[in-house]
Amino acid sequence: MAKESVKARQKKREKMVLKYAKKRKFLKDSQNYELLQKLPRDASPVRLRNRCSITGRCRGYMRQFGISRIVFRNMASQGLIPGVKKASW
């Protein structure tokens, strides 16, 4: 499980990306790179990292479900994810 500070930092970055999205798009379209560089670094969507919504784990992230592989496995075996069941043959 990720530290609470790491999760908080990620949420802060997500808010900042949304806040500056229009301004970044306008500056990129007008090719005004000097002003684009003066925006905060965390306003860039490249700095975001996919994290599990439950544990905050960044590795083994399953984009389709928004959770890590470990949480996915536990939830799937408990039947909490609709349409997913453990394979057996």
PDB file of N, CA and C in Angstrom:
ATOM      1  N   MET A   1       0.829  -1.176   0.000  1.00  0.00           N
ATOM      2  CA  MET A   1       0.000   0.000   0.000  1.00  0.00           C
ATOM      3  C   MET A   1       0.880   1.249   0.000  1.00  0.00           C
ATOM      4  N   ALA A   2       0.526   2.206  -0.829  1.00  0.00           N
ATOM      5  CA  ALA A   2       1.318   3.426  -0.953  1.00  0.00           C
ATOM      6  C   ALA A   2       1.111   4.326   0.262  1.00  0.00           C
ATOM      7  N   LYS A   3       2.111   5.152   0.529  1.00  0.00           N
ATOM      8  CA  LYS A   3       2.009   6.082   1.641  1.00  0.00           C
ATOM      9  C   LYS A   3       0.919   7.113   1.345  1.00  0.00           C
ATOM     10  N   GLU A   4       0.320   7.621   2.401  1.00  0.00           N
ATOM     11  CA  GLU A   4      -0.755   8.606   2.238  1.00  0.00           C
ATOM     12  C   GLU A   4      -0.240   9.874   1.564  1.00  0.00           C
ATOM     13  N   SER A   5       1.003  10.238   1.809  1.00  0.00           N
ATOM     14  CA  SER A   5       1.559  11.445   1.195  1.00  0.00           C
ATOM     15  C   SER A   5       1.675  11.288  -0.314  1.00  0.00           C
ATOM     16  N   VAL A   6       1.981  10.073  -0.777  1.00  0.00           N
ATOM     17  CA  VAL A   6       2.100   9.821  -2.218  1.00  0.00           C
ATOM     18  C   VAL A   6       0.718   9.921  -2.867  1.00  0.00           C
ATOM     19  N   LYS A   7      -0.289   9.370  -2.205  1.00  0.00           N
ATOM     20  CA  LYS A   7      -1.655   9.452  -2.736  1.00  0.00           C
ATOM     21  C   LYS A   7      -2.130  10.904  -2.779  1.00  0.00           C
ATOM     22  N   ALA A   8      -1.831  11.661  -1.735  1.00  0.00           N
ATOM     23  CA  ALA A   8      -2.237  13.066  -1.668  1.00  0.00           C
ATOM     24  C   ALA A   8      -1.552  13.878  -2.759  1.00  0.00           C
ATOM     25  N   ARG A   9      -0.272  13.592  -2.988  1.00  0.00           N
ATOM     26  CA  ARG A   9       0.476  14.304  -4.033  1.00  0.00           C
ATOM     27  C   ARG A   9      -0.131  14.038  -5.406  1.00  0.00           C
ATOM     28  N   GLN A  10      -0.541  12.793  -5.628  1.00  0.00           N
ATOM     29  CA  GLN A  10      -1.151  12.422  -6.905  1.00  0.00           C
ATOM     30  C   GLN A  10      -2.472  13.172  -7.104  1.00  0.00           C
ATOM     31  N   LYS A  11      -3.294  13.237  -6.057  1.00  0.00           N
ATOM     32  CA  LYS A  11      -4.575  13.950  -6.152  1.00  0.00           C
ATOM     33  C   LYS A  11      -4.359  15.438  -6.421  1.00  0.00           C
ATOM     34  N   LYS A  12      -3.332  15.995  -5.792  1.00  0.00           N
ATOM     35  CA  LYS A  12      -3.002  17.400  -6.005  1.00  0.00           C
ATOM     36  C   LYS A  12      -2.617  17.650  -7.458  1.00  0.00           C
ATOM     37  N   ARG A  13      -1.818  16.727  -8.022  1.00  0.00           N
ATOM     38  CA  ARG A  13      -1.427  16.848  -9.421  1.00  0.00           C
ATOM     39  C   ARG A  13      -2.628  16.748 -10.345  1.00  0.00           C
ATOM     40  N   GLU A  14      -3.547  15.820 -10.057  1.00  0.00           N
ATOM     41  CA  GLU A  14      -4.741  15.654 -10.892  1.00  0.00           C
ATOM     42  C   GLU A  14      -5.568  16.927 -10.920  1.00  0.00           C
ATOM     43  N   LYS A  15      -5.724  17.576  -9.764  1.00  0.00           N
ATOM     44  CA  LYS A  15      -6.475  18.833  -9.695  1.00  0.00           C
ATOM     45  C   LYS A  15      -5.782  19.917 -10.515  1.00  0.00           C
ATOM     46  N   MET A  16      -4.449  19.978 -10.408  1.00  0.00           N
ATOM     47  CA  MET A  16      -3.706  21.012 -11.117  1.00  0.00           C
ATOM     48  C   MET A  16      -3.765  20.804 -12.627  1.00  0.00           C
ATOM     49  N   VAL A  17      -3.742  19.555 -13.071  1.00  0.00           N
ATOM     50  CA  VAL A  17      -3.843  19.264 -14.511  1.00  0.00           C
ATOM     51  C   VAL A  17      -5.187  19.748 -15.035  1.00  0.00           C
ATOM     52  N   LEU A  18      -6.256  19.483 -14.282  1.00  0.00           N
ATOM     53  CA  LEU A  18      -7.582  19.933 -14.710  1.00  0.00           C
ATOM     54  C   LEU A  18      -7.680  21.463 -14.713  1.00  0.00           C
ATOM     55  N   LYS A  19      -7.057  22.086 -13.732  1.00  0.00           N
ATOM     56  CA  LYS A  19      -7.113  23.545 -13.605  1.00  0.00           C
ATOM     57  C   LYS A  19      -6.458  24.250 -14.791  1.00  0.00           C
ATOM     58  N   TYR A  20      -5.319  23.728 -15.243  1.00  0.00           N
ATOM     59  CA  TYR A  20      -4.548  24.381 -16.301  1.00  0.00           C
ATOM     60  C   TYR A  20      -4.757  23.780 -17.684  1.00  0.00           C
ATOM     61  N   ALA A  21      -5.695  22.864 -17.844  1.00  0.00           N
ATOM     62  CA  ALA A  21      -5.863  22.161 -19.124  1.00  0.00           C
ATOM     63  C   ALA A  21      -6.179  23.120 -20.276  1.00  0.00           C
ATOM     64  N   LYS A  22      -7.142  24.018 -20.073  1.00  0.00           N
ATOM     65  CA  LYS A  22      -7.518  24.951 -21.147  1.00  0.00           C
ATOM     66  C   LYS A  22      -6.366  25.889 -21.497  1.00  0.00           C
ATOM     67  N   LYS A  23      -5.706  26.391 -20.462  1.00  0.00           N
ATOM     68  CA  LYS A  23      -4.607  27.323 -20.689  1.00  0.00           C
ATOM     69  C   LYS A  23      -3.460  26.643 -21.444  1.00  0.00           C
ATOM     70  N   ARG A  24      -3.138  25.404 -21.058  1.00  0.00           N
ATOM     71  CA  ARG A  24      -2.076  24.658 -21.740  1.00  0.00           C
ATOM     72  C   ARG A  24      -2.434  24.425 -23.199  1.00  0.00           C
ATOM     73  N   LYS A  25      -3.691  24.061 -23.451  1.00  0.00           N
ATOM     74  CA  LYS A  25      -4.117  23.799 -24.831  1.00  0.00           C
ATOM     75  C   LYS A  25      -4.007  25.066 -25.673  1.00  0.00           C
ATOM     76  N   PHE A  26      -4.452  26.190 -25.121  1.00  0.00           N
ATOM     77  CA  PHE A  26      -4.377  27.454 -25.845  1.00  0.00           C
ATOM     78  C   PHE A  26      -2.929  27.829 -26.149  1.00  0.00           C
ATOM     79  N   LEU A  27      -2.041  27.690 -25.155  1.00  0.00           N
ATOM     80  CA  LEU A  27      -0.638  28.064 -25.349  1.00  0.00           C
ATOM     81  C   LEU A  27       0.057  27.136 -26.344  1.00  0.00           C
ATOM     82  N   LYS A  28      -0.307  25.853 -26.312  1.00  0.00           N
ATOM     83  CA  LYS A  28       0.293  24.917 -27.269  1.00  0.00           C
ATOM     84  C   LYS A  28      -0.182  25.203 -28.683  1.00  0.00           C
ATOM     85  N   ASP A  29      -1.478  25.505 -28.839  1.00  0.00           N
ATOM     86  CA  ASP A  29      -2.011  25.807 -30.169  1.00  0.00           C
ATOM     87  C   ASP A  29      -1.408  27.083 -30.740  1.00  0.00           C
ATOM     88  N   SER A  30      -1.174  28.078 -29.871  1.00  0.00           N
ATOM     89  CA  SER A  30      -0.592  29.331 -30.345  1.00  0.00           C
ATOM     90  C   SER A  30       0.937  29.262 -30.398  1.00  0.00           C
ATOM     91  N   GLN A  31       1.510  28.135 -30.003  1.00  0.00           N
ATOM     92  CA  GLN A  31       2.957  27.887 -30.025  1.00  0.00           C
ATOM     93  C   GLN A  31       3.726  28.911 -29.194  1.00  0.00           C
ATOM     94  N   ASN A  32       3.142  29.283 -28.060  1.00  0.00           N
ATOM     95  CA  ASN A  32       3.790  30.222 -27.145  1.00  0.00           C
ATOM     96  C   ASN A  32       4.482  29.406 -26.041  1.00  0.00           C
ATOM     97  N   TYR A  33       5.657  28.897 -26.349  1.00  0.00           N
ATOM     98  CA  TYR A  33       6.334  27.975 -25.453  1.00  0.00           C
ATOM     99  C   TYR A  33       6.984  28.666 -24.254  1.00  0.00           C
ATOM    100  N   GLU A  34       7.258  29.956 -24.355  1.00  0.00           N
ATOM    101  CA  GLU A  34       7.833  30.677 -23.218  1.00  0.00           C
ATOM    102  C   GLU A  34       6.834  30.741 -22.068  1.00  0.00           C
ATOM    103  N   LEU A  35       5.593  31.082 -22.389  1.00  0.00           N
ATOM    104  CA  LEU A  35       4.571  31.131 -21.339  1.00  0.00           C
ATOM    105  C   LEU A  35       4.185  29.727 -20.869  1.00  0.00           C
ATOM    106  N   LEU A  36       4.268  28.774 -21.769  1.00  0.00           N
ATOM    107  CA  LEU A  36       3.952  27.394 -21.412  1.00  0.00           C
ATOM    108  C   LEU A  36       4.946  26.867 -20.378  1.00  0.00           C
ATOM    109  N   GLN A  37       6.195  27.269 -20.499  1.00  0.00           N
ATOM    110  CA  GLN A  37       7.213  26.836 -19.541  1.00  0.00           C
ATOM    111  C   GLN A  37       7.042  27.486 -18.179  1.00  0.00           C
ATOM    112  N   LYS A  38       6.359  28.622 -18.129  1.00  0.00           N
ATOM    113  CA  LYS A  38       6.187  29.324 -16.860  1.00  0.00           C
ATOM    114  C   LYS A  38       5.034  28.756 -16.031  1.00  0.00           C
ATOM    115  N   LEU A  39       4.249  27.862 -16.618  1.00  0.00           N
ATOM    116  CA  LEU A  39       3.200  27.190 -15.846  1.00  0.00           C
ATOM    117  C   LEU A  39       3.847  26.234 -14.846  1.00  0.00           C
ATOM    118  N   PRO A  40       3.131  25.881 -13.795  1.00  0.00           N
ATOM    119  CA  PRO A  40       3.700  24.926 -12.825  1.00  0.00           C
ATOM    120  C   PRO A  40       4.007  23.582 -13.472  1.00  0.00           C
ATOM    121  N   ARG A  41       5.031  22.914 -12.987  1.00  0.00           N
ATOM    122  CA  ARG A  41       5.417  21.627 -13.559  1.00  0.00           C
ATOM    123  C   ARG A  41       4.324  20.582 -13.400  1.00  0.00           C
ATOM    124  N   ASP A  42       3.655  20.613 -12.263  1.00  0.00           N
ATOM    125  CA  ASP A  42       2.617  19.611 -12.015  1.00  0.00           C
ATOM    126  C   ASP A  42       1.365  19.843 -12.859  1.00  0.00           C
ATOM    127  N   ALA A  43       1.314  20.908 -13.626  1.00  0.00           N
ATOM    128  CA  ALA A  43       0.174  21.155 -14.511  1.00  0.00           C
ATOM    129  C   ALA A  43       0.251  20.301 -15.773  1.00  0.00           C
ATOM    130  N   SER A  44       1.388  19.664 -15.989  1.00  0.00           N
ATOM    131  CA  SER A  44       1.557  18.820 -17.166  1.00  0.00           C
ATOM    132  C   SER A  44       0.973  17.434 -16.911  1.00  0.00           C
ATOM    133  N   PRO A  45       0.133  16.928 -17.819  1.00  0.00           N
ATOM    134  CA  PRO A  45      -0.464  15.597 -17.612  1.00  0.00           C
ATOM    135  C   PRO A  45       0.548  14.459 -17.679  1.00  0.00           C
ATOM    136  N   VAL A  46       1.746  14.730 -18.196  1.00  0.00           N
ATOM    137  CA  VAL A  46       2.776  13.704 -18.272  1.00  0.00           C
ATOM    138  C   VAL A  46       3.241  13.289 -16.873  1.00  0.00           C
ATOM    139  N   ARG A  47       3.113  14.186 -15.917  1.00  0.00           N
ATOM    140  CA  ARG A  47       3.588  13.903 -14.562  1.00  0.00           C
ATOM    141  C   ARG A  47       2.616  13.044 -13.755  1.00  0.00           C
ATOM    142  N   LEU A  48       1.435  12.771 -14.300  1.00  0.00           N
ATOM    143  CA  LEU A  48       0.487  11.899 -13.606  1.00  0.00           C
ATOM    144  C   LEU A  48       0.935  10.455 -13.725  1.00  0.00           C
ATOM    145  N   ARG A  49       0.543   9.667 -12.761  1.00  0.00           N
ATOM    146  CA  ARG A  49       0.888   8.244 -12.740  1.00  0.00           C
ATOM    147  C   ARG A  49      -0.385   7.464 -12.455  1.00  0.00           C
ATOM    148  N   ASN A  50      -0.623   6.403 -13.214  1.00  0.00           N
ATOM    149  CA  ASN A  50      -1.787   5.564 -12.951  1.00  0.00           C
ATOM    150  C   ASN A  50      -1.603   4.857 -11.620  1.00  0.00           C
ATOM    151  N   ARG A  51      -2.574   5.001 -10.730  1.00  0.00           N
ATOM    152  CA  ARG A  51      -2.503   4.378  -9.410  1.00  0.00           C
ATOM    153  C   ARG A  51      -3.803   3.663  -9.102  1.00  0.00           C
ATOM    154  N   CYS A  52      -3.695   2.599  -8.325  1.00  0.00           N
ATOM    155  CA  CYS A  52      -4.857   1.837  -7.881  1.00  0.00           C
ATOM    156  C   CYS A  52      -5.741   2.756  -7.038  1.00  0.00           C
ATOM    157  N   SER A  53      -7.053   2.727  -7.289  1.00  0.00           N
ATOM    158  CA  SER A  53      -7.966   3.599  -6.558  1.00  0.00           C
ATOM    159  C   SER A  53      -8.150   3.159  -5.109  1.00  0.00           C
ATOM    160  N   ILE A  54      -7.796   1.927  -4.797  1.00  0.00           N
ATOM    161  CA  ILE A  54      -7.986   1.412  -3.438  1.00  0.00           C
ATOM    162  C   ILE A  54      -6.699   1.486  -2.625  1.00  0.00           C
ATOM    163  N   THR A  55      -5.612   0.949  -3.158  1.00  0.00           N
ATOM    164  CA  THR A  55      -4.367   0.883  -2.394  1.00  0.00           C
ATOM    165  C   THR A  55      -3.371   1.973  -2.747  1.00  0.00           C
ATOM    166  N   GLY A  56      -3.472   2.556  -3.926  1.00  0.00           N
ATOM    167  CA  GLY A  56      -2.517   3.567  -4.362  1.00  0.00           C
ATOM    168  C   GLY A  56      -1.299   2.977  -5.039  1.00  0.00           C
ATOM    169  N   ARG A  57      -1.289   1.661  -5.235  1.00  0.00           N
ATOM    170  CA  ARG A  57      -0.164   0.989  -5.882  1.00  0.00           C
ATOM    171  C   ARG A  57      -0.092   1.408  -7.345  1.00  0.00           C
ATOM    172  N   CYS A  58       1.130   1.681  -7.835  1.00  0.00           N
ATOM    173  CA  CYS A  58       1.268   2.148  -9.211  1.00  0.00           C
ATOM    174  C   CYS A  58       1.682   1.036 -10.167  1.00  0.00           C
ATOM    175  N   ARG A  59       2.272  -0.013  -9.662  1.00  0.00           N
ATOM    176  CA  ARG A  59       2.705  -1.099 -10.548  1.00  0.00           C
ATOM    177  C   ARG A  59       1.610  -2.150 -10.635  1.00  0.00           C
ATOM    178  N   GLY A  60       1.515  -2.780 -11.788  1.00  0.00           N
ATOM    179  CA  GLY A  60       0.495  -3.797 -11.984  1.00  0.00           C
ATOM    180  C   GLY A  60      -0.898  -3.190 -12.079  1.00  0.00           C
ATOM    181  N   TYR A  61      -0.979  -1.964 -12.579  1.00  0.00           N
ATOM    182  CA  TYR A  61      -2.251  -1.245 -12.687  1.00  0.00           C
ATOM    183  C   TYR A  61      -3.027  -1.756 -13.890  1.00  0.00           C
ATOM    184  N   MET A  62      -4.296  -2.084 -13.700  1.00  0.00           N
ATOM    185  CA  MET A  62      -5.154  -2.541 -14.798  1.00  0.00           C
ATOM    186  C   MET A  62      -6.070  -1.383 -15.182  1.00  0.00           C
ATOM    187  N   ARG A  63      -5.809  -0.813 -16.333  1.00  0.00           N
ATOM    188  CA  ARG A  63      -6.482   0.403 -16.763  1.00  0.00           C
ATOM    189  C   ARG A  63      -7.995   0.215 -16.895  1.00  0.00           C
ATOM    190  N   GLN A  64      -8.406  -0.942 -17.368  1.00  0.00           N
ATOM    191  CA  GLN A  64      -9.830  -1.191 -17.606  1.00  0.00           C
ATOM    192  C   GLN A  64     -10.639  -1.134 -16.311  1.00  0.00           C
ATOM    193  N   PHE A  65     -10.031  -1.516 -15.193  1.00  0.00           N
ATOM    194  CA  PHE A  65     -10.745  -1.570 -13.924  1.00  0.00           C
ATOM    195  C   PHE A  65     -10.319  -0.473 -12.954  1.00  0.00           C
ATOM    196  N   GLY A  66      -9.167   0.141 -13.176  1.00  0.00           N
ATOM    197  CA  GLY A  66      -8.698   1.217 -12.313  1.00  0.00           C
ATOM    198  C   GLY A  66      -8.108   0.736 -10.997  1.00  0.00           C
ATOM    199  N   ILE A  67      -7.731  -0.542 -10.945  1.00  0.00           N
ATOM    200  CA  ILE A  67      -7.153  -1.110  -9.726  1.00  0.00           C
ATOM    201  C   ILE A  67      -5.905  -1.922 -10.077  1.00  0.00           C
ATOM    202  N   SER A  68      -5.134  -2.266  -9.048  1.00  0.00           N
ATOM    203  CA  SER A  68      -3.926  -3.055  -9.276  1.00  0.00           C
ATOM    204  C   SER A  68      -4.281  -4.526  -9.425  1.00  0.00           C
ATOM    205  N   ARG A  69      -3.317  -5.298  -9.905  1.00  0.00           N
ATOM    206  CA  ARG A  69      -3.558  -6.714 -10.171  1.00  0.00           C
ATOM    207  C   ARG A  69      -3.864  -7.495  -8.901  1.00  0.00           C
ATOM    208  N   ILE A  70      -3.278  -7.090  -7.775  1.00  0.00           N
ATOM    209  CA  ILE A  70      -3.492  -7.800  -6.518  1.00  0.00           C
ATOM    210  C   ILE A  70      -4.919  -7.588  -6.022  1.00  0.00           C
ATOM    211  N   VAL A  71      -5.370  -6.342  -6.058  1.00  0.00           N
ATOM    212  CA  VAL A  71      -6.739  -6.034  -5.633  1.00  0.00           C
ATOM    213  C   VAL A  71      -7.730  -6.671  -6.597  1.00  0.00           C
ATOM    214  N   PHE A  72      -7.387  -6.652  -7.894  1.00  0.00           N
ATOM    215  CA  PHE A  72      -8.254  -7.263  -8.901  1.00  0.00           C
ATOM    216  C   PHE A  72      -8.452  -8.744  -8.616  1.00  0.00           C
ATOM    217  N   ARG A  73      -7.355  -9.413  -8.311  1.00  0.00           N
ATOM    218  CA  ARG A  73      -7.431 -10.852  -8.050  1.00  0.00           C
ATOM    219  C   ARG A  73      -8.314 -11.160  -6.842  1.00  0.00           C
ATOM    220  N   ASN A  74      -8.128 -10.384  -5.769  1.00  0.00           N
ATOM    221  CA  ASN A  74      -8.944 -10.594  -4.572  1.00  0.00           C
ATOM    222  C   ASN A  74     -10.420 -10.327  -4.836  1.00  0.00           C
ATOM    223  N   MET A  75     -10.717  -9.228  -5.525  1.00  0.00           N
ATOM    224  CA  MET A  75     -12.103  -8.868  -5.789  1.00  0.00           C
ATOM    225  C   MET A  75     -12.759  -9.850  -6.755  1.00  0.00           C
ATOM    226  N   ALA A  76     -12.002 -10.323  -7.740  1.00  0.00           N
ATOM    227  CA  ALA A  76     -12.557 -11.272  -8.706  1.00  0.00           C
ATOM    228  C   ALA A  76     -12.864 -12.609  -8.031  1.00  0.00           C
ATOM    229  N   SER A  77     -12.005 -13.053  -7.126  1.00  0.00           N
ATOM    230  CA  SER A  77     -12.246 -14.332  -6.459  1.00  0.00           C
ATOM    231  C   SER A  77     -13.415 -14.250  -5.484  1.00  0.00           C
ATOM    232  N   GLN A  78     -13.701 -13.048  -4.985  1.00  0.00           N
ATOM    233  CA  GLN A  78     -14.846 -12.854  -4.101  1.00  0.00           C
ATOM    234  C   GLN A  78     -16.133 -12.592  -4.873  1.00  0.00           C
ATOM    235  N   GLY A  79     -16.012 -12.421  -6.191  1.00  0.00           N
ATOM    236  CA  GLY A  79     -17.180 -12.166  -7.026  1.00  0.00           C
ATOM    237  C   GLY A  79     -17.653 -10.731  -6.997  1.00  0.00           C
ATOM    238  N   LEU A  80     -16.776  -9.803  -6.682  1.00  0.00           N
ATOM    239  CA  LEU A  80     -17.157  -8.392  -6.578  1.00  0.00           C
ATOM    240  C   LEU A  80     -17.071  -7.641  -7.903  1.00  0.00           C
ATOM    241  N   ILE A  81     -16.445  -8.248  -8.906  1.00  0.00           N
ATOM    242  CA  ILE A  81     -16.332  -7.608 -10.222  1.00  0.00           C
ATOM    243  C   ILE A  81     -17.270  -8.348 -11.170  1.00  0.00           C
ATOM    244  N   PRO A  82     -18.310  -7.684 -11.654  1.00  0.00           N
ATOM    245  CA  PRO A  82     -19.278  -8.363 -12.517  1.00  0.00           C
ATOM    246  C   PRO A  82     -18.677  -8.799 -13.844  1.00  0.00           C
ATOM    247  N   GLY A  83     -19.003 -10.013 -14.262  1.00  0.00           N
ATOM    248  CA  GLY A  83     -18.550 -10.536 -15.534  1.00  0.00           C
ATOM    249  C   GLY A  83     -17.178 -11.168 -15.502  1.00  0.00           C
ATOM    250  N   VAL A  84     -16.538 -11.212 -14.329  1.00  0.00           N
ATOM    251  CA  VAL A  84     -15.202 -11.792 -14.218  1.00  0.00           C
ATOM    252  C   VAL A  84     -15.272 -13.000 -13.296  1.00  0.00           C
ATOM    253  N   LYS A  85     -14.719 -14.114 -13.761  1.00  0.00           N
ATOM    254  CA  LYS A  85     -14.621 -15.276 -12.885  1.00  0.00           C
ATOM    255  C   LYS A  85     -13.299 -15.968 -13.139  1.00  0.00           C
ATOM    256  N   LYS A  86     -12.865 -16.740 -12.194  1.00  0.00           N
ATOM    257  CA  LYS A  86     -11.584 -17.427 -12.295  1.00  0.00           C
ATOM    258  C   LYS A  86     -11.682 -18.528 -13.333  1.00  0.00           C
ATOM    259  N   ALA A  87     -10.659 -18.614 -14.163  1.00  0.00           N
ATOM    260  CA  ALA A  87     -10.648 -19.604 -15.230  1.00  0.00           C
ATOM    261  C   ALA A  87     -10.370 -20.992 -14.665  1.00  0.00           C
ATOM    262  N   SER A  88     -11.047 -21.982 -15.226  1.00  0.00           N
ATOM    263  CA  SER A  88     -10.761 -23.371 -14.874  1.00  0.00           C
ATOM    264  C   SER A  88     -11.093 -24.243 -16.072  1.00  0.00           C
ATOM    265  N   TRP A  89     -10.228 -25.187 -16.378  1.00  0.00           N
ATOM    266  CA  TRP A  89     -10.461 -26.078 -17.510  1.00  0.00           C
ATOM    267  C   TRP A  89      -9.871 -27.420 -17.252  1.00  0.00           C
TER     268      TRP A  89
END
